[in-house]
Amino acid sequence: MDRFGELTVFLCVVDEGSFSAAARRLGLSPSAVSKLVARLEARLGARLYDRIGSAIRLTEEGRIFQRNGARVLDALAEAENSVAASLAYW
């Protein structure tokens, strides 16, 4: 999966509050979601979640990544919408 996909999975885990719920929403296995987040953390060199038993909590780095990552996805959606809007005029 590319960086965009990893970001999407990470933000879904944040929104859903768990790896399992994010996996259900995305149609992936919980193991796949966990591995994607672990790969993202390895690439960034930072833990994004504190794992406490079955519960998770964003670390400070995770909160920073969430905030900036959400802006990236918002910018992408805006770019796509602007193209769609310009095509509507043709």
C-alpha atoms as a PDB file:
ATOM      1  CA  MET A   1       0.000   0.000   0.000  1.00  0.00           C
ATOM      2  CA  ASP A   2       1.258   3.509  -0.771  1.00  0.00           C
ATOM      3  CA  ARG A   3       1.565   6.450   1.612  1.00  0.00           C
ATOM      4  CA  PHE A   4      -1.925   7.676   0.780  1.00  0.00           C
ATOM      5  CA  GLY A   5      -3.342   4.278   1.717  1.00  0.00           C
ATOM      6  CA  GLU A   6      -1.357   4.165   4.949  1.00  0.00           C
ATOM      7  CA  LEU A   7      -2.609   7.640   5.849  1.00  0.00           C
ATOM      8  CA  THR A   8      -6.179   6.634   5.072  1.00  0.00           C
ATOM      9  CA  VAL A   9      -5.878   3.551   7.290  1.00  0.00           C
ATOM     10  CA  PHE A  10      -4.246   5.547  10.109  1.00  0.00           C
ATOM     11  CA  LEU A  11      -7.001   8.181  10.038  1.00  0.00           C
ATOM     12  CA  CYS A  12      -9.690   5.497   9.924  1.00  0.00           C
ATOM     13  CA  VAL A  13      -8.223   3.929  13.085  1.00  0.00           C
ATOM     14  CA  VAL A  14      -8.356   7.374  14.721  1.00  0.00           C
ATOM     15  CA  ASP A  15     -11.981   7.884  13.638  1.00  0.00           C
ATOM     16  CA  GLU A  16     -13.119   4.403  14.653  1.00  0.00           C
ATOM     17  CA  GLY A  17     -11.096   4.228  17.873  1.00  0.00           C
ATOM     18  CA  SER A  18      -9.749   0.737  17.272  1.00  0.00           C
ATOM     19  CA  PHE A  19      -7.883  -1.378  14.769  1.00  0.00           C
ATOM     20  CA  SER A  20     -10.758  -3.890  14.598  1.00  0.00           C
ATOM     21  CA  ALA A  21     -13.427  -1.279  13.887  1.00  0.00           C
ATOM     22  CA  ALA A  22     -11.227   0.357  11.247  1.00  0.00           C
ATOM     23  CA  ALA A  23     -10.623  -3.049   9.670  1.00  0.00           C
ATOM     24  CA  ARG A  24     -14.370  -3.689   9.444  1.00  0.00           C
ATOM     25  CA  ARG A  25     -14.983  -0.269   7.874  1.00  0.00           C
ATOM     26  CA  LEU A  26     -12.160  -0.718   5.358  1.00  0.00           C
ATOM     27  CA  GLY A  27     -12.880  -4.357   4.556  1.00  0.00           C
ATOM     28  CA  LEU A  28      -9.471  -5.477   5.819  1.00  0.00           C
ATOM     29  CA  SER A  29      -8.393  -7.860   8.536  1.00  0.00           C
ATOM     30  CA  PRO A  30      -7.383  -6.378  11.893  1.00  0.00           C
ATOM     31  CA  SER A  31      -3.953  -7.925  11.330  1.00  0.00           C
ATOM     32  CA  ALA A  32      -3.575  -6.074   8.009  1.00  0.00           C
ATOM     33  CA  VAL A  33      -4.531  -2.767   9.642  1.00  0.00           C
ATOM     34  CA  SER A  34      -2.087  -3.368  12.487  1.00  0.00           C
ATOM     35  CA  LYS A  35       0.705  -4.197  10.042  1.00  0.00           C
ATOM     36  CA  LEU A  36       0.023  -1.092   7.937  1.00  0.00           C
ATOM     37  CA  VAL A  37       0.146   1.138  11.003  1.00  0.00           C
ATOM     38  CA  ALA A  38       3.325  -0.597  12.203  1.00  0.00           C
ATOM     39  CA  ARG A  39       4.927  -0.046   8.786  1.00  0.00           C
ATOM     40  CA  LEU A  40       3.918   3.626   8.871  1.00  0.00           C
ATOM     41  CA  GLU A  41       5.376   3.995  12.369  1.00  0.00           C
ATOM     42  CA  ALA A  42       8.611   2.338  11.230  1.00  0.00           C
ATOM     43  CA  ARG A  43       8.903   4.647   8.234  1.00  0.00           C
ATOM     44  CA  LEU A  44       8.249   7.718  10.382  1.00  0.00           C
ATOM     45  CA  GLY A  45      10.472   6.496  13.187  1.00  0.00           C
ATOM     46  CA  ALA A  46       7.797   7.341  15.738  1.00  0.00           C
ATOM     47  CA  ARG A  47       5.073   5.570  17.662  1.00  0.00           C
ATOM     48  CA  LEU A  48       1.671   6.963  16.683  1.00  0.00           C
ATOM     49  CA  TYR A  49      -0.353   4.988  19.224  1.00  0.00           C
ATOM     50  CA  ASP A  50       0.167   3.806  22.764  1.00  0.00           C
ATOM     51  CA  ARG A  51      -1.243   0.295  22.957  1.00  0.00           C
ATOM     52  CA  ILE A  52      -2.661  -0.543  26.363  1.00  0.00           C
ATOM     53  CA  GLY A  53      -4.113  -4.048  26.223  1.00  0.00           C
ATOM     54  CA  SER A  54      -6.829  -3.848  23.599  1.00  0.00           C
ATOM     55  CA  ALA A  55      -7.144  -0.062  23.936  1.00  0.00           C
ATOM     56  CA  ILE A  56      -5.195   2.465  21.890  1.00  0.00           C
ATOM     57  CA  ARG A  57      -4.409   6.112  22.476  1.00  0.00           C
ATOM     58  CA  LEU A  58      -2.695   8.578  20.167  1.00  0.00           C
ATOM     59  CA  THR A  59       0.756   9.703  21.184  1.00  0.00           C
ATOM     60  CA  GLU A  60       1.740  13.347  20.778  1.00  0.00           C
ATOM     61  CA  GLU A  61       3.365  12.420  17.470  1.00  0.00           C
ATOM     62  CA  GLY A  62       0.153  10.645  16.492  1.00  0.00           C
ATOM     63  CA  ARG A  63      -1.894  13.767  17.189  1.00  0.00           C
ATOM     64  CA  ILE A  64       0.474  15.851  15.068  1.00  0.00           C
ATOM     65  CA  PHE A  65       0.317  13.314  12.240  1.00  0.00           C
ATOM     66  CA  GLN A  66      -3.476  13.137  12.510  1.00  0.00           C
ATOM     67  CA  ARG A  67      -3.860  16.902  12.268  1.00  0.00           C
ATOM     68  CA  ASN A  68      -1.501  17.256   9.302  1.00  0.00           C
ATOM     69  CA  GLY A  69      -2.704  14.080   7.602  1.00  0.00           C
ATOM     70  CA  ALA A  70      -6.319  15.208   7.756  1.00  0.00           C
ATOM     71  CA  ARG A  71      -5.291  18.442   6.011  1.00  0.00           C
ATOM     72  CA  VAL A  72      -3.623  16.402   3.260  1.00  0.00           C
ATOM     73  CA  LEU A  73      -6.787  14.372   2.645  1.00  0.00           C
ATOM     74  CA  ASP A  74      -8.911  17.534   2.740  1.00  0.00           C
ATOM     75  CA  ALA A  75      -6.628  19.177   0.157  1.00  0.00           C
ATOM     76  CA  LEU A  76      -6.860  16.111  -2.080  1.00  0.00           C
ATOM     77  CA  ALA A  77     -10.660  16.101  -1.851  1.00  0.00           C
ATOM     78  CA  GLU A  78     -10.726  19.829  -2.661  1.00  0.00           C
ATOM     79  CA  ALA A  79      -8.492  19.281  -5.701  1.00  0.00           C
ATOM     80  CA  GLU A  80     -10.706  16.462  -6.953  1.00  0.00           C
ATOM     81  CA  ASN A  81     -13.856  18.502  -6.384  1.00  0.00           C
ATOM     82  CA  SER A  82     -12.439  21.483  -8.255  1.00  0.00           C
ATOM     83  CA  VAL A  83     -11.779  19.321 -11.318  1.00  0.00           C
ATOM     84  CA  ALA A  84     -15.261  17.805 -11.102  1.00  0.00           C
ATOM     85  CA  ALA A  85     -16.763  21.296 -10.816  1.00  0.00           C
ATOM     86  CA  SER A  86     -14.856  22.570 -13.831  1.00  0.00           C
ATOM     87  CA  LEU A  87     -16.054  19.592 -15.903  1.00  0.00           C
ATOM     88  CA  ALA A  88     -19.652  20.382 -14.971  1.00  0.00           C
ATOM     89  CA  TYR A  89     -19.372  23.652 -16.922  1.00  0.00           C
ATOM     90  CA  TRP A  90     -18.537  21.884 -20.175  1.00  0.00           C
END
